[in-house]
Amino acid sequence: MINQLITHYSLIDFNSVFIGNPTLESERFHNYSLRYKKFNFIKGLTVNALINYRNQSQSIKNATSLQGIDQVNSPFIFHSPENSINGLFLYSKKINIFKYTFRANGNYREYFQVINSNTDLNIIQINFCLLKIESYFKNIPNFEVSYMYNPTVYKTNLSTFNFSEGTFFINSNYRYKGLKIKVDYSKVWFTNRGIIIYHF
């Protein structure tokens, strides 16, 4: 933070310079959270839910000036609001010798970048979903089967990137007279749904 206030030039890299700004002020934001939690050991039940919202009305940004491979950064007070929201939901239930789990995460964030006096809005959306089944046998090998799905969208003023990743996973383990046998298998899919370039 002290370097941000010093007006002298600071060499960050061979082609990157940082200039401080002594007129900086504090950032301002509001943060709201809502949480729910339930746990019952006897019923083998776990439920967690969380949602968080953040509104930043005043932030410290770096104004970036690019000239060829040379880059100059200087902080300033930015007054346009930026929003972010993230949520989590977890449900886990054990029924007899099987445990079932569902988990979902969602993240949305919007933020501004200032490059060569141009202010651009960027939006990131990252989601995650998990389905899992676990066994709790006593005398035969136990197993775990899960599937994870992770789509991501990244938007700028010039383009949109849309891709996703899926993972299928199997795990099995067994102990016999001090010997532990473990087998894992996983397969990953990556999908690029395309890059959209906006022309003006």
N, C-alpha and C. Protein backbone atom coordinates (compact mmCIF):
# COMPACT_ATOMS: atom_id res chain seq x y z
N MET A 1 0.83 -1.20 0.00
CA MET A 1 0.00 0.00 0.00
C MET A 1 0.87 1.25 0.00
N ILE A 2 2.03 1.23 0.68
CA ILE A 2 2.90 2.40 0.73
C ILE A 2 3.41 2.73 -0.67
N ASN A 3 3.76 1.68 -1.46
CA ASN A 3 4.24 1.92 -2.82
C ASN A 3 3.19 2.59 -3.68
N GLN A 4 1.90 2.35 -3.39
CA GLN A 4 0.84 2.97 -4.18
C GLN A 4 0.77 4.47 -3.96
N LEU A 5 1.27 4.94 -2.82
CA LEU A 5 1.18 6.37 -2.49
C LEU A 5 2.42 7.16 -2.88
N ILE A 6 3.50 6.47 -3.16
CA ILE A 6 4.75 7.16 -3.49
C ILE A 6 4.73 7.58 -4.96
N THR A 7 5.04 8.85 -5.21
CA THR A 7 4.96 9.37 -6.59
C THR A 7 6.18 9.00 -7.43
N HIS A 8 7.20 8.40 -6.84
CA HIS A 8 8.39 8.06 -7.61
C HIS A 8 8.10 6.88 -8.54
N TYR A 9 8.96 6.76 -9.56
CA TYR A 9 8.87 5.64 -10.49
C TYR A 9 9.50 4.41 -9.85
N SER A 10 8.81 3.28 -9.96
CA SER A 10 9.35 2.01 -9.47
C SER A 10 9.46 1.04 -10.64
N LEU A 11 10.65 0.50 -10.84
CA LEU A 11 10.86 -0.45 -11.93
C LEU A 11 10.42 -1.83 -11.47
N ILE A 12 9.35 -2.36 -12.08
CA ILE A 12 8.82 -3.67 -11.71
C ILE A 12 9.50 -4.77 -12.51
N ASP A 13 9.73 -4.51 -13.79
CA ASP A 13 10.38 -5.46 -14.68
C ASP A 13 11.16 -4.64 -15.70
N PHE A 14 11.85 -5.32 -16.60
CA PHE A 14 12.66 -4.59 -17.56
C PHE A 14 11.83 -3.68 -18.46
N ASN A 15 10.52 -4.01 -18.60
CA ASN A 15 9.66 -3.19 -19.46
C ASN A 15 8.40 -2.73 -18.74
N SER A 16 8.41 -2.74 -17.41
CA SER A 16 7.22 -2.37 -16.63
C SER A 16 7.60 -1.39 -15.53
N VAL A 17 6.85 -0.26 -15.48
CA VAL A 17 7.11 0.79 -14.51
C VAL A 17 5.83 1.07 -13.73
N PHE A 18 5.99 1.31 -12.43
CA PHE A 18 4.84 1.64 -11.57
C PHE A 18 5.03 3.04 -11.01
N ILE A 19 3.95 3.87 -11.08
CA ILE A 19 3.99 5.22 -10.53
C ILE A 19 2.90 5.34 -9.47
N GLY A 20 3.26 5.72 -8.27
CA GLY A 20 2.31 5.84 -7.18
C GLY A 20 1.41 7.07 -7.31
N ASN A 21 0.38 7.11 -6.45
CA ASN A 21 -0.58 8.22 -6.47
C ASN A 21 -0.88 8.62 -5.02
N PRO A 22 -0.36 9.75 -4.55
CA PRO A 22 -0.55 10.15 -3.15
C PRO A 22 -1.97 10.61 -2.82
N THR A 23 -2.84 10.73 -3.81
CA THR A 23 -4.21 11.21 -3.56
C THR A 23 -5.21 10.06 -3.38
N LEU A 24 -4.72 8.85 -3.27
CA LEU A 24 -5.63 7.71 -3.13
C LEU A 24 -6.46 7.79 -1.85
N GLU A 25 -7.68 7.26 -1.94
CA GLU A 25 -8.57 7.19 -0.78
C GLU A 25 -8.89 5.72 -0.48
N SER A 26 -9.64 5.51 0.58
CA SER A 26 -10.00 4.15 0.97
C SER A 26 -11.06 3.59 0.01
N GLU A 27 -11.03 2.28 -0.14
CA GLU A 27 -12.07 1.61 -0.92
C GLU A 27 -13.36 1.54 -0.12
N ARG A 28 -14.48 1.47 -0.82
CA ARG A 28 -15.79 1.38 -0.17
C ARG A 28 -16.58 0.23 -0.77
N PHE A 29 -17.15 -0.60 0.08
CA PHE A 29 -17.96 -1.71 -0.41
C PHE A 29 -18.94 -2.17 0.65
N HIS A 30 -19.98 -2.87 0.20
CA HIS A 30 -20.95 -3.50 1.08
C HIS A 30 -20.93 -5.00 0.82
N ASN A 31 -21.00 -5.77 1.88
CA ASN A 31 -20.96 -7.21 1.76
C ASN A 31 -22.12 -7.81 2.55
N TYR A 32 -22.90 -8.69 1.88
CA TYR A 32 -24.04 -9.32 2.53
C TYR A 32 -23.90 -10.84 2.40
N SER A 33 -24.15 -11.56 3.50
CA SER A 33 -24.04 -13.01 3.50
C SER A 33 -25.24 -13.64 4.18
N LEU A 34 -25.66 -14.78 3.66
CA LEU A 34 -26.74 -15.55 4.25
C LEU A 34 -26.31 -17.01 4.28
N ARG A 35 -26.40 -17.64 5.45
CA ARG A 35 -25.91 -19.00 5.61
C ARG A 35 -26.95 -19.88 6.29
N TYR A 36 -27.03 -21.14 5.85
CA TYR A 36 -27.90 -22.14 6.48
C TYR A 36 -27.10 -23.42 6.66
N LYS A 37 -27.23 -24.04 7.83
CA LYS A 37 -26.49 -25.26 8.10
C LYS A 37 -27.33 -26.20 8.95
N LYS A 38 -27.35 -27.47 8.55
CA LYS A 38 -28.07 -28.49 9.31
C LYS A 38 -27.24 -29.77 9.32
N PHE A 39 -27.09 -30.37 10.50
CA PHE A 39 -26.31 -31.60 10.64
C PHE A 39 -27.02 -32.52 11.61
N ASN A 40 -27.25 -33.76 11.18
CA ASN A 40 -27.87 -34.77 12.02
C ASN A 40 -27.05 -36.06 11.90
N PHE A 41 -26.27 -36.35 12.93
CA PHE A 41 -25.38 -37.50 12.89
C PHE A 41 -26.16 -38.81 12.84
N ILE A 42 -27.24 -38.90 13.58
CA ILE A 42 -28.03 -40.13 13.64
C ILE A 42 -28.64 -40.45 12.28
N LYS A 43 -29.16 -39.44 11.60
CA LYS A 43 -29.79 -39.65 10.29
C LYS A 43 -28.77 -39.60 9.14
N GLY A 44 -27.53 -39.29 9.47
CA GLY A 44 -26.50 -39.20 8.43
C GLY A 44 -26.76 -38.09 7.43
N LEU A 45 -27.27 -36.97 7.94
CA LEU A 45 -27.68 -35.87 7.07
C LEU A 45 -26.82 -34.64 7.30
N THR A 46 -26.37 -34.04 6.19
CA THR A 46 -25.65 -32.77 6.23
C THR A 46 -26.17 -31.86 5.14
N VAL A 47 -26.55 -30.65 5.53
CA VAL A 47 -27.01 -29.65 4.56
C VAL A 47 -26.30 -28.33 4.85
N ASN A 48 -25.67 -27.77 3.84
CA ASN A 48 -25.03 -26.47 3.95
C ASN A 48 -25.45 -25.60 2.78
N ALA A 49 -25.78 -24.36 3.04
CA ALA A 49 -26.13 -23.42 1.98
C ALA A 49 -25.55 -22.05 2.33
N LEU A 50 -25.00 -21.38 1.35
CA LEU A 50 -24.39 -20.07 1.57
C LEU A 50 -24.55 -19.24 0.31
N ILE A 51 -24.90 -17.97 0.51
CA ILE A 51 -24.91 -17.01 -0.58
C ILE A 51 -24.29 -15.71 -0.10
N ASN A 52 -23.42 -15.15 -0.93
CA ASN A 52 -22.70 -13.94 -0.55
C ASN A 52 -22.75 -12.94 -1.71
N TYR A 53 -23.08 -11.69 -1.39
CA TYR A 53 -23.16 -10.63 -2.39
C TYR A 53 -22.27 -9.47 -1.96
N ARG A 54 -21.50 -8.95 -2.91
CA ARG A 54 -20.59 -7.84 -2.62
C ARG A 54 -20.78 -6.76 -3.68
N ASN A 55 -20.97 -5.53 -3.21
CA ASN A 55 -21.07 -4.37 -4.08
C ASN A 55 -19.97 -3.39 -3.69
N GLN A 56 -19.08 -3.12 -4.64
CA GLN A 56 -17.96 -2.22 -4.39
C GLN A 56 -18.21 -0.93 -5.15
N SER A 57 -18.47 0.14 -4.40
CA SER A 57 -18.81 1.42 -5.02
C SER A 57 -17.58 2.28 -5.29
N GLN A 58 -16.49 2.03 -4.57
CA GLN A 58 -15.26 2.80 -4.77
C GLN A 58 -14.07 1.86 -4.58
N SER A 59 -13.24 1.76 -5.61
CA SER A 59 -12.13 0.82 -5.56
C SER A 59 -10.86 1.47 -6.08
N ILE A 60 -9.74 0.86 -5.78
CA ILE A 60 -8.44 1.30 -6.29
C ILE A 60 -8.09 0.44 -7.50
N LYS A 61 -7.92 1.09 -8.64
CA LYS A 61 -7.59 0.42 -9.88
C LYS A 61 -6.23 0.87 -10.37
N ASN A 62 -5.64 0.05 -11.22
CA ASN A 62 -4.43 0.44 -11.91
C ASN A 62 -4.77 0.89 -13.32
N ALA A 63 -4.40 2.08 -13.68
CA ALA A 63 -4.52 2.54 -15.06
C ALA A 63 -3.26 2.09 -15.79
N THR A 64 -3.46 1.30 -16.83
CA THR A 64 -2.34 0.71 -17.57
C THR A 64 -2.18 1.40 -18.91
N SER A 65 -0.95 1.81 -19.19
CA SER A 65 -0.63 2.43 -20.48
C SER A 65 0.36 1.52 -21.19
N LEU A 66 -0.02 1.07 -22.38
CA LEU A 66 0.82 0.16 -23.17
C LEU A 66 1.38 0.90 -24.37
N GLN A 67 2.70 0.82 -24.55
CA GLN A 67 3.36 1.38 -25.71
C GLN A 67 4.36 0.33 -26.21
N GLY A 68 3.92 -0.41 -27.22
CA GLY A 68 4.74 -1.52 -27.67
C GLY A 68 4.81 -2.59 -26.59
N ILE A 69 6.04 -2.94 -26.18
CA ILE A 69 6.20 -3.91 -25.09
C ILE A 69 6.35 -3.22 -23.73
N ASP A 70 6.35 -1.88 -23.73
CA ASP A 70 6.51 -1.13 -22.48
C ASP A 70 5.16 -0.93 -21.81
N GLN A 71 5.17 -0.98 -20.47
CA GLN A 71 3.93 -0.88 -19.70
C GLN A 71 4.15 0.02 -18.50
N VAL A 72 3.21 0.98 -18.31
CA VAL A 72 3.24 1.89 -17.17
C VAL A 72 1.93 1.74 -16.41
N ASN A 73 2.01 1.48 -15.11
CA ASN A 73 0.83 1.32 -14.26
C ASN A 73 0.81 2.39 -13.18
N SER A 74 -0.37 2.92 -12.93
CA SER A 74 -0.52 3.92 -11.87
C SER A 74 -1.90 3.76 -11.24
N PRO A 75 -2.00 3.70 -9.90
CA PRO A 75 -3.30 3.51 -9.25
C PRO A 75 -4.12 4.79 -9.21
N PHE A 76 -5.44 4.62 -9.20
CA PHE A 76 -6.35 5.76 -9.08
C PHE A 76 -7.65 5.27 -8.45
N ILE A 77 -8.49 6.20 -8.02
CA ILE A 77 -9.78 5.86 -7.43
C ILE A 77 -10.82 5.70 -8.53
N PHE A 78 -11.47 4.55 -8.51
CA PHE A 78 -12.47 4.21 -9.54
C PHE A 78 -13.85 4.19 -8.88
N HIS A 79 -14.82 4.90 -9.46
CA HIS A 79 -16.11 5.10 -8.80
C HIS A 79 -17.27 4.29 -9.40
N SER A 80 -17.07 3.62 -10.51
CA SER A 80 -18.16 2.81 -11.07
C SER A 80 -18.35 1.55 -10.23
N PRO A 81 -19.58 1.17 -9.93
CA PRO A 81 -19.81 0.01 -9.05
C PRO A 81 -19.44 -1.31 -9.72
N GLU A 82 -18.92 -2.22 -8.92
CA GLU A 82 -18.60 -3.58 -9.35
C GLU A 82 -19.34 -4.55 -8.42
N ASN A 83 -19.88 -5.61 -8.99
CA ASN A 83 -20.68 -6.55 -8.21
C ASN A 83 -20.12 -7.96 -8.34
N SER A 84 -20.30 -8.73 -7.29
CA SER A 84 -19.95 -10.14 -7.33
C SER A 84 -20.92 -10.90 -6.42
N ILE A 85 -21.22 -12.12 -6.82
CA ILE A 85 -22.10 -12.97 -6.02
C ILE A 85 -21.61 -14.40 -6.14
N ASN A 86 -21.61 -15.11 -5.04
CA ASN A 86 -21.23 -16.52 -5.07
C ASN A 86 -22.13 -17.30 -4.12
N GLY A 87 -22.36 -18.54 -4.46
CA GLY A 87 -23.24 -19.38 -3.66
C GLY A 87 -22.72 -20.80 -3.56
N LEU A 88 -23.14 -21.48 -2.53
CA LEU A 88 -22.75 -22.87 -2.28
C LEU A 88 -23.94 -23.64 -1.73
N PHE A 89 -24.13 -24.85 -2.25
CA PHE A 89 -25.15 -25.74 -1.70
C PHE A 89 -24.57 -27.14 -1.60
N LEU A 90 -24.70 -27.75 -0.43
CA LEU A 90 -24.19 -29.10 -0.19
C LEU A 90 -25.27 -29.92 0.50
N TYR A 91 -25.57 -31.08 -0.08
CA TYR A 91 -26.52 -32.01 0.53
C TYR A 91 -25.87 -33.39 0.56
N SER A 92 -25.80 -33.97 1.74
CA SER A 92 -25.20 -35.29 1.90
C SER A 92 -26.10 -36.13 2.79
N LYS A 93 -26.39 -37.36 2.36
CA LYS A 93 -27.30 -38.23 3.10
C LYS A 93 -26.80 -39.68 3.03
N LYS A 94 -26.72 -40.32 4.18
CA LYS A 94 -26.33 -41.72 4.24
C LYS A 94 -27.58 -42.57 4.44
N ILE A 95 -27.79 -43.51 3.52
CA ILE A 95 -28.93 -44.42 3.58
C ILE A 95 -28.40 -45.85 3.58
N ASN A 96 -28.55 -46.51 4.69
CA ASN A 96 -28.03 -47.87 4.86
C ASN A 96 -26.52 -47.87 4.64
N ILE A 97 -26.04 -48.56 3.62
CA ILE A 97 -24.59 -48.67 3.42
C ILE A 97 -24.08 -47.74 2.33
N PHE A 98 -24.93 -46.81 1.88
CA PHE A 98 -24.53 -45.88 0.83
C PHE A 98 -24.68 -44.44 1.30
N LYS A 99 -23.75 -43.61 0.86
CA LYS A 99 -23.80 -42.18 1.15
C LYS A 99 -23.88 -41.42 -0.18
N TYR A 100 -24.87 -40.54 -0.29
CA TYR A 100 -25.10 -39.77 -1.50
C TYR A 100 -24.77 -38.30 -1.24
N THR A 101 -24.03 -37.70 -2.16
CA THR A 101 -23.61 -36.31 -1.98
C THR A 101 -23.88 -35.51 -3.26
N PHE A 102 -24.45 -34.34 -3.06
CA PHE A 102 -24.63 -33.39 -4.16
C PHE A 102 -24.07 -32.04 -3.71
N ARG A 103 -23.23 -31.46 -4.55
CA ARG A 103 -22.63 -30.16 -4.22
C ARG A 103 -22.64 -29.28 -5.46
N ALA A 104 -22.98 -28.01 -5.25
CA ALA A 104 -23.00 -27.04 -6.35
C ALA A 104 -22.43 -25.71 -5.87
N ASN A 105 -21.56 -25.13 -6.68
CA ASN A 105 -21.00 -23.81 -6.42
C ASN A 105 -21.26 -22.92 -7.62
N GLY A 106 -21.54 -21.67 -7.37
CA GLY A 106 -21.71 -20.71 -8.45
C GLY A 106 -21.02 -19.40 -8.11
N ASN A 107 -20.28 -18.85 -9.07
CA ASN A 107 -19.58 -17.58 -8.87
C ASN A 107 -19.80 -16.67 -10.06
N TYR A 108 -20.17 -15.42 -9.76
CA TYR A 108 -20.35 -14.40 -10.79
C TYR A 108 -19.61 -13.15 -10.34
N ARG A 109 -18.79 -12.60 -11.23
CA ARG A 109 -18.03 -11.41 -10.87
C ARG A 109 -17.92 -10.50 -12.08
N GLU A 110 -18.11 -9.22 -11.83
CA GLU A 110 -17.90 -8.21 -12.87
C GLU A 110 -16.89 -7.19 -12.38
N TYR A 111 -15.96 -6.84 -13.23
CA TYR A 111 -14.93 -5.88 -12.84
C TYR A 111 -14.46 -5.10 -14.07
N PHE A 112 -13.90 -3.94 -13.82
CA PHE A 112 -13.46 -3.06 -14.90
C PHE A 112 -11.93 -3.07 -15.01
N GLN A 113 -11.46 -2.92 -16.25
CA GLN A 113 -10.04 -2.73 -16.53
C GLN A 113 -9.86 -1.44 -17.30
N VAL A 114 -8.80 -0.71 -16.96
CA VAL A 114 -8.52 0.55 -17.66
C VAL A 114 -7.17 0.40 -18.35
N ILE A 115 -7.22 0.35 -19.69
CA ILE A 115 -6.01 0.18 -20.49
C ILE A 115 -6.00 1.24 -21.58
N ASN A 116 -4.94 2.02 -21.62
CA ASN A 116 -4.81 3.11 -22.60
C ASN A 116 -6.04 4.02 -22.62
N SER A 117 -6.50 4.38 -21.43
CA SER A 117 -7.64 5.29 -21.22
C SER A 117 -8.97 4.68 -21.64
N ASN A 118 -9.00 3.41 -22.00
CA ASN A 118 -10.25 2.73 -22.32
C ASN A 118 -10.70 1.91 -21.13
N THR A 119 -11.97 2.07 -20.73
CA THR A 119 -12.52 1.34 -19.59
C THR A 119 -13.39 0.21 -20.11
N ASP A 120 -12.99 -1.01 -19.79
CA ASP A 120 -13.69 -2.20 -20.28
C ASP A 120 -14.27 -2.99 -19.12
N LEU A 121 -15.51 -3.47 -19.31
CA LEU A 121 -16.17 -4.31 -18.31
C LEU A 121 -15.93 -5.78 -18.64
N ASN A 122 -15.44 -6.54 -17.67
CA ASN A 122 -15.23 -7.98 -17.82
C ASN A 122 -16.17 -8.72 -16.88
N ILE A 123 -16.69 -9.85 -17.34
CA ILE A 123 -17.61 -10.67 -16.55
C ILE A 123 -17.11 -12.11 -16.55
N ILE A 124 -17.03 -12.70 -15.36
CA ILE A 124 -16.61 -14.09 -15.21
C ILE A 124 -17.72 -14.86 -14.51
N GLN A 125 -18.09 -15.99 -15.07
CA GLN A 125 -19.06 -16.90 -14.45
C GLN A 125 -18.42 -18.29 -14.36
N ILE A 126 -18.26 -18.78 -13.14
CA ILE A 126 -17.66 -20.09 -12.91
C ILE A 126 -18.62 -20.92 -12.06
N ASN A 127 -19.00 -22.07 -12.56
CA ASN A 127 -19.92 -22.94 -11.83
C ASN A 127 -19.28 -24.31 -11.63
N PHE A 128 -19.76 -25.01 -10.62
CA PHE A 128 -19.21 -26.33 -10.30
C PHE A 128 -20.32 -27.20 -9.74
N CYS A 129 -20.39 -28.45 -10.20
CA CYS A 129 -21.41 -29.38 -9.74
C CYS A 129 -20.77 -30.75 -9.51
N LEU A 130 -21.12 -31.40 -8.41
CA LEU A 130 -20.57 -32.71 -8.06
C LEU A 130 -21.68 -33.65 -7.62
N LEU A 131 -21.67 -34.85 -8.18
CA LEU A 131 -22.55 -35.93 -7.75
C LEU A 131 -21.66 -37.10 -7.32
N LYS A 132 -21.91 -37.65 -6.14
CA LYS A 132 -21.02 -38.70 -5.63
C LYS A 132 -21.80 -39.75 -4.84
N ILE A 133 -21.40 -41.01 -5.00
CA ILE A 133 -21.96 -42.13 -4.25
C ILE A 133 -20.79 -42.89 -3.60
N GLU A 134 -20.88 -43.15 -2.30
CA GLU A 134 -19.86 -43.89 -1.57
C GLU A 134 -20.51 -45.09 -0.88
N SER A 135 -19.77 -46.18 -0.81
CA SER A 135 -20.26 -47.38 -0.12
C SER A 135 -19.54 -47.57 1.21
N TYR A 136 -20.22 -48.25 2.14
CA TYR A 136 -19.65 -48.51 3.47
C TYR A 136 -19.86 -49.99 3.83
N PHE A 137 -19.33 -50.88 2.99
CA PHE A 137 -19.41 -52.30 3.26
C PHE A 137 -18.42 -52.67 4.37
N LYS A 138 -18.65 -53.76 5.03
CA LYS A 138 -17.76 -54.24 6.10
C LYS A 138 -16.80 -55.32 5.62
N ASN A 139 -17.29 -56.20 4.74
CA ASN A 139 -16.49 -57.37 4.39
C ASN A 139 -16.10 -57.45 2.91
N ILE A 140 -16.53 -56.52 2.12
CA ILE A 140 -16.17 -56.52 0.70
C ILE A 140 -15.64 -55.14 0.34
N PRO A 141 -14.93 -55.01 -0.78
CA PRO A 141 -14.31 -53.73 -1.15
C PRO A 141 -15.34 -52.60 -1.26
N ASN A 142 -14.97 -51.45 -0.76
CA ASN A 142 -15.80 -50.26 -0.88
C ASN A 142 -15.43 -49.49 -2.15
N PHE A 143 -16.34 -48.66 -2.57
CA PHE A 143 -16.10 -47.89 -3.80
C PHE A 143 -16.67 -46.49 -3.66
N GLU A 144 -16.19 -45.65 -4.54
CA GLU A 144 -16.68 -44.26 -4.65
C GLU A 144 -16.79 -43.92 -6.12
N VAL A 145 -17.95 -43.43 -6.53
CA VAL A 145 -18.18 -43.04 -7.91
C VAL A 145 -18.64 -41.58 -7.91
N SER A 146 -18.01 -40.75 -8.73
CA SER A 146 -18.38 -39.34 -8.75
C SER A 146 -18.29 -38.78 -10.16
N TYR A 147 -19.04 -37.70 -10.36
CA TYR A 147 -18.98 -36.96 -11.62
C TYR A 147 -18.97 -35.47 -11.29
N MET A 148 -18.01 -34.75 -11.87
CA MET A 148 -17.88 -33.32 -11.65
C MET A 148 -18.04 -32.58 -12.99
N TYR A 149 -18.76 -31.48 -12.94
CA TYR A 149 -18.98 -30.66 -14.14
C TYR A 149 -18.66 -29.21 -13.80
N ASN A 150 -17.82 -28.58 -14.64
CA ASN A 150 -17.30 -27.25 -14.32
C ASN A 150 -17.34 -26.34 -15.55
N PRO A 151 -18.48 -25.66 -15.82
CA PRO A 151 -18.55 -24.72 -16.95
C PRO A 151 -18.05 -23.32 -16.56
N THR A 152 -17.43 -22.65 -17.51
CA THR A 152 -16.88 -21.31 -17.28
C THR A 152 -17.18 -20.42 -18.47
N VAL A 153 -17.60 -19.20 -18.18
CA VAL A 153 -17.84 -18.19 -19.22
C VAL A 153 -17.07 -16.93 -18.85
N TYR A 154 -16.31 -16.41 -19.81
CA TYR A 154 -15.54 -15.18 -19.58
C TYR A 154 -15.87 -14.20 -20.70
N LYS A 155 -16.42 -13.03 -20.33
CA LYS A 155 -16.86 -12.05 -21.31
C LYS A 155 -16.07 -10.76 -21.17
N THR A 156 -15.68 -10.22 -22.31
CA THR A 156 -15.08 -8.88 -22.36
C THR A 156 -15.86 -8.07 -23.38
N ASN A 157 -15.46 -6.82 -23.57
CA ASN A 157 -16.12 -5.99 -24.58
C ASN A 157 -15.84 -6.49 -26.00
N LEU A 158 -14.79 -7.27 -26.17
CA LEU A 158 -14.38 -7.70 -27.50
C LEU A 158 -14.70 -9.15 -27.81
N SER A 159 -14.85 -10.00 -26.79
CA SER A 159 -15.02 -11.42 -27.06
C SER A 159 -15.68 -12.13 -25.88
N THR A 160 -16.11 -13.37 -26.14
CA THR A 160 -16.69 -14.23 -25.12
C THR A 160 -16.06 -15.62 -25.23
N PHE A 161 -15.55 -16.13 -24.13
CA PHE A 161 -14.98 -17.47 -24.08
C PHE A 161 -15.93 -18.36 -23.28
N ASN A 162 -16.23 -19.53 -23.83
CA ASN A 162 -17.19 -20.44 -23.20
C ASN A 162 -16.62 -21.86 -23.26
N PHE A 163 -16.25 -22.42 -22.12
CA PHE A 163 -15.71 -23.77 -22.11
C PHE A 163 -16.14 -24.48 -20.84
N SER A 164 -16.02 -25.81 -20.86
CA SER A 164 -16.45 -26.61 -19.71
C SER A 164 -15.55 -27.82 -19.55
N GLU A 165 -15.54 -28.37 -18.34
CA GLU A 165 -14.73 -29.54 -18.02
C GLU A 165 -15.57 -30.53 -17.22
N GLY A 166 -15.53 -31.79 -17.58
CA GLY A 166 -16.24 -32.83 -16.87
C GLY A 166 -15.28 -33.93 -16.46
N THR A 167 -15.46 -34.48 -15.28
CA THR A 167 -14.58 -35.53 -14.77
C THR A 167 -15.40 -36.67 -14.18
N PHE A 168 -15.15 -37.87 -14.67
CA PHE A 168 -15.76 -39.08 -14.12
C PHE A 168 -14.70 -39.83 -13.33
N PHE A 169 -15.01 -40.23 -12.09
CA PHE A 169 -14.00 -40.80 -11.21
C PHE A 169 -14.56 -42.01 -10.47
N ILE A 170 -13.74 -43.08 -10.43
CA ILE A 170 -14.07 -44.30 -9.67
C ILE A 170 -12.90 -44.65 -8.77
N ASN A 171 -13.21 -44.94 -7.54
CA ASN A 171 -12.19 -45.33 -6.56
C ASN A 171 -12.68 -46.55 -5.81
N SER A 172 -11.81 -47.53 -5.63
CA SER A 172 -12.16 -48.73 -4.87
C SER A 172 -10.98 -49.11 -4.00
N ASN A 173 -11.26 -49.47 -2.74
CA ASN A 173 -10.17 -49.88 -1.85
C ASN A 173 -10.64 -51.00 -0.93
N TYR A 174 -9.67 -51.81 -0.50
CA TYR A 174 -9.98 -52.97 0.34
C TYR A 174 -8.76 -53.31 1.19
N ARG A 175 -9.00 -53.64 2.44
CA ARG A 175 -7.93 -54.06 3.35
C ARG A 175 -8.08 -55.55 3.66
N TYR A 176 -6.96 -56.26 3.54
CA TYR A 176 -6.98 -57.68 3.84
C TYR A 176 -5.67 -58.06 4.53
N LYS A 177 -5.78 -58.40 5.84
CA LYS A 177 -4.62 -58.84 6.64
C LYS A 177 -3.45 -57.86 6.54
N GLY A 178 -3.76 -56.59 6.73
CA GLY A 178 -2.72 -55.56 6.73
C GLY A 178 -2.34 -55.06 5.34
N LEU A 179 -2.89 -55.67 4.30
CA LEU A 179 -2.60 -55.26 2.94
C LEU A 179 -3.73 -54.38 2.43
N LYS A 180 -3.39 -53.20 1.92
CA LYS A 180 -4.39 -52.29 1.38
C LYS A 180 -4.31 -52.28 -0.14
N ILE A 181 -5.42 -52.57 -0.77
CA ILE A 181 -5.50 -52.57 -2.23
C ILE A 181 -6.38 -51.40 -2.66
N LYS A 182 -5.87 -50.60 -3.57
CA LYS A 182 -6.59 -49.42 -4.01
C LYS A 182 -6.54 -49.30 -5.53
N VAL A 183 -7.67 -49.02 -6.13
CA VAL A 183 -7.76 -48.88 -7.58
C VAL A 183 -8.47 -47.56 -7.89
N ASP A 184 -7.87 -46.77 -8.78
CA ASP A 184 -8.46 -45.49 -9.20
C ASP A 184 -8.60 -45.47 -10.72
N TYR A 185 -9.68 -44.83 -11.16
CA TYR A 185 -9.87 -44.60 -12.59
C TYR A 185 -10.55 -43.25 -12.76
N SER A 186 -10.06 -42.47 -13.70
CA SER A 186 -10.69 -41.18 -13.97
C SER A 186 -10.62 -40.87 -15.45
N LYS A 187 -11.61 -40.13 -15.93
CA LYS A 187 -11.64 -39.68 -17.31
C LYS A 187 -12.11 -38.23 -17.32
N VAL A 188 -11.40 -37.41 -18.07
CA VAL A 188 -11.68 -35.97 -18.09
C VAL A 188 -12.07 -35.56 -19.51
N TRP A 189 -13.16 -34.79 -19.62
CA TRP A 189 -13.59 -34.21 -20.88
C TRP A 189 -13.42 -32.69 -20.81
N PHE A 190 -12.87 -32.12 -21.85
CA PHE A 190 -12.75 -30.66 -21.93
C PHE A 190 -13.43 -30.21 -23.21
N THR A 191 -14.36 -29.29 -23.09
CA THR A 191 -15.12 -28.81 -24.24
C THR A 191 -14.96 -27.31 -24.38
N ASN A 192 -14.49 -26.89 -25.54
CA ASN A 192 -14.41 -25.47 -25.86
C ASN A 192 -15.56 -25.16 -26.80
N ARG A 193 -16.55 -24.45 -26.30
CA ARG A 193 -17.75 -24.18 -27.09
C ARG A 193 -17.57 -23.01 -28.06
N GLY A 194 -16.36 -22.53 -28.15
CA GLY A 194 -16.08 -21.50 -29.15
C GLY A 194 -15.78 -20.16 -28.53
N ILE A 195 -15.10 -19.36 -29.30
CA ILE A 195 -14.77 -17.99 -28.92
C ILE A 195 -15.51 -17.05 -29.86
N ILE A 196 -16.30 -16.18 -29.31
CA ILE A 196 -17.05 -15.21 -30.11
C ILE A 196 -16.30 -13.87 -30.10
N ILE A 197 -15.93 -13.42 -31.26
CA ILE A 197 -15.23 -12.14 -31.39
C ILE A 197 -16.22 -11.09 -31.87
N TYR A 198 -16.31 -9.97 -31.15
CA TYR A 198 -17.21 -8.88 -31.53
C TYR A 198 -16.45 -7.86 -32.38
N HIS A 199 -17.01 -7.53 -33.52
CA HIS A 199 -16.41 -6.54 -34.41
C HIS A 199 -17.24 -5.26 -34.39
N PHE A 200 -16.56 -4.16 -34.32
CA PHE A 200 -17.26 -2.86 -34.26
C PHE A 200 -16.91 -2.03 -35.50
